[in-house]
Structure formats: C-alpha cells, structure tokens
C-alpha cells in the first residue's frame, strides 16, 4: 500500500470521525441501529425539530453512514451497514470503561 493511498484513507477516516463528533448524530445512529425510522420518528426520539433531524440525516446519508428508502409516503432511514454500528457502539463502550 502506498503512502499516498494510506494518507487518503487516513484523511477519510478523520473526516468520518469528525462527522461522528456530534452527539445527536451519534445518538441517531445508535437508535437507527435498532431499526429503521422516519425523520419525524427519529426527531421525536431525540428531542429535535424535524428540520434539524433532516439536516443531520442528510449529513449522515452523504457520508454513507445511513441509507434511506421510500416506504409508501414515508422515507425511512437505517444504518448503512454493520461497520457503522460497530464504530458507534465501540466508541460509546470505550468511553464508558
């Protein structure tokens, strides 16, 4: 592996960790790890306005941390893959030790 590709990966990881540095985004990912929810449902669980939650979900979607799917008239969000869940749960467990 070349140094240049390693630095790119390190920079991407730093950007990911920076994005995860927001408590409500972390909390949203923890809640979504339990099952898919709409922006409104998630906002209610986290005590946020729906517009604020939609903004946070957009950032998470752009970073490929969550995926969205239209179900009837609703758009539901879910964690993109098990790696995301592991990162978040491990970080929370680590600080709890």
Protein backbone atom coordinates (compact mmCIF):
# COMPACT_ATOMS: atom_id res chain seq x y z
CA UNK A 1 0.00 0.00 0.00
CA UNK A 2 1.48 3.35 -0.97
CA UNK A 3 1.85 6.24 1.44
CA UNK A 4 -0.44 8.39 -0.72
CA UNK A 5 -3.35 5.93 -0.59
CA UNK A 6 -2.78 5.46 3.14
CA UNK A 7 -2.94 9.21 3.72
CA UNK A 8 -6.14 9.38 1.69
CA UNK A 9 -7.65 6.65 3.83
CA UNK A 10 -6.44 8.37 6.99
CA UNK A 11 -7.93 11.66 5.84
CA UNK A 12 -11.23 9.94 5.05
CA UNK A 13 -11.24 8.30 8.47
CA UNK A 14 -10.54 11.67 10.13
CA UNK A 15 -13.47 13.22 8.24
CA UNK A 16 -15.69 10.32 9.34
CA UNK A 17 -14.68 10.73 12.97
CA UNK A 18 -15.26 14.46 12.72
CA UNK A 19 -18.78 13.84 11.44
CA UNK A 20 -19.39 11.44 14.32
CA UNK A 21 -18.26 14.13 16.76
CA UNK A 22 -21.80 15.49 17.08
CA UNK A 23 -23.76 13.92 19.99
CA UNK A 24 -27.12 13.90 18.22
CA UNK A 25 -25.65 12.23 15.14
CA UNK A 26 -24.14 9.52 17.34
CA UNK A 27 -27.40 9.12 19.21
CA UNK A 28 -29.30 8.91 15.92
CA UNK A 29 -27.02 6.15 14.69
CA UNK A 30 -27.48 4.22 17.93
CA UNK A 31 -31.27 4.49 17.65
CA UNK A 32 -31.23 3.55 13.95
CA UNK A 33 -29.08 0.50 14.76
CA UNK A 34 -32.22 -0.84 16.47
CA UNK A 35 -34.39 -0.37 13.38
CA UNK A 36 -35.37 1.97 10.56
CA UNK A 37 -37.32 5.15 11.36
CA UNK A 38 -38.58 8.22 9.56
CA UNK A 39 -37.00 11.62 10.20
CA UNK A 40 -40.05 12.63 12.24
CA UNK A 41 -39.97 9.50 14.38
CA UNK A 42 -36.25 9.89 14.98
CA UNK A 43 -36.62 13.60 15.78
CA UNK A 44 -39.24 12.72 18.39
CA UNK A 45 -36.99 10.13 19.99
CA UNK A 46 -34.06 12.55 20.14
CA UNK A 47 -35.97 15.68 21.09
CA UNK A 48 -35.08 17.60 17.92
CA UNK A 49 -37.14 19.60 15.48
CA UNK A 50 -37.82 17.59 12.33
CA UNK A 51 -35.92 20.11 10.18
CA UNK A 52 -32.84 19.77 12.40
CA UNK A 53 -33.09 15.99 12.26
CA UNK A 54 -33.46 16.06 8.48
CA UNK A 55 -30.27 18.14 8.27
CA UNK A 56 -28.36 15.66 10.43
CA UNK A 57 -29.71 12.73 8.40
CA UNK A 58 -28.64 14.43 5.17
CA UNK A 59 -25.07 14.70 6.50
CA UNK A 60 -25.10 11.06 7.60
CA UNK A 61 -26.51 9.95 4.23
CA UNK A 62 -23.89 11.95 2.30
CA UNK A 63 -21.20 10.21 4.36
CA UNK A 64 -22.76 6.80 3.53
CA UNK A 65 -23.48 6.13 7.20
CA UNK A 66 -27.24 5.82 6.70
CA UNK A 67 -29.42 4.82 3.79
CA UNK A 68 -32.93 5.97 3.03
CA UNK A 69 -35.84 4.15 1.45
CA UNK A 70 -39.30 5.29 0.49
CA UNK A 71 -41.97 3.15 2.15
CA UNK A 72 -45.35 4.34 0.92
CA UNK A 73 -45.47 8.05 1.65
CA UNK A 74 -42.69 7.91 4.24
CA UNK A 75 -38.94 7.97 3.85
CA UNK A 76 -37.27 5.76 6.44
CA UNK A 77 -33.62 5.79 7.41
CA UNK A 78 -31.42 2.91 8.53
CA UNK A 79 -27.77 2.40 9.37
CA UNK A 80 -25.90 1.69 6.15
CA UNK A 81 -24.05 -1.40 7.39
CA UNK A 82 -22.79 -3.24 10.44
CA UNK A 83 -19.45 -1.38 10.38
CA UNK A 84 -21.24 1.86 11.28
CA UNK A 85 -22.98 0.21 14.21
CA UNK A 86 -19.69 -1.26 15.45
CA UNK A 87 -17.86 2.07 15.26
CA UNK A 88 -20.53 3.90 17.23
CA UNK A 89 -21.18 1.20 19.81
CA UNK A 90 -17.45 0.62 20.34
CA UNK A 91 -16.84 4.36 20.84
CA UNK A 92 -19.64 4.61 23.40
CA UNK A 93 -18.46 1.46 25.19
CA UNK A 94 -14.86 2.70 25.22
CA UNK A 95 -15.69 5.96 27.00
CA UNK A 96 -17.88 4.07 29.45
CA UNK A 97 -14.96 1.96 30.67
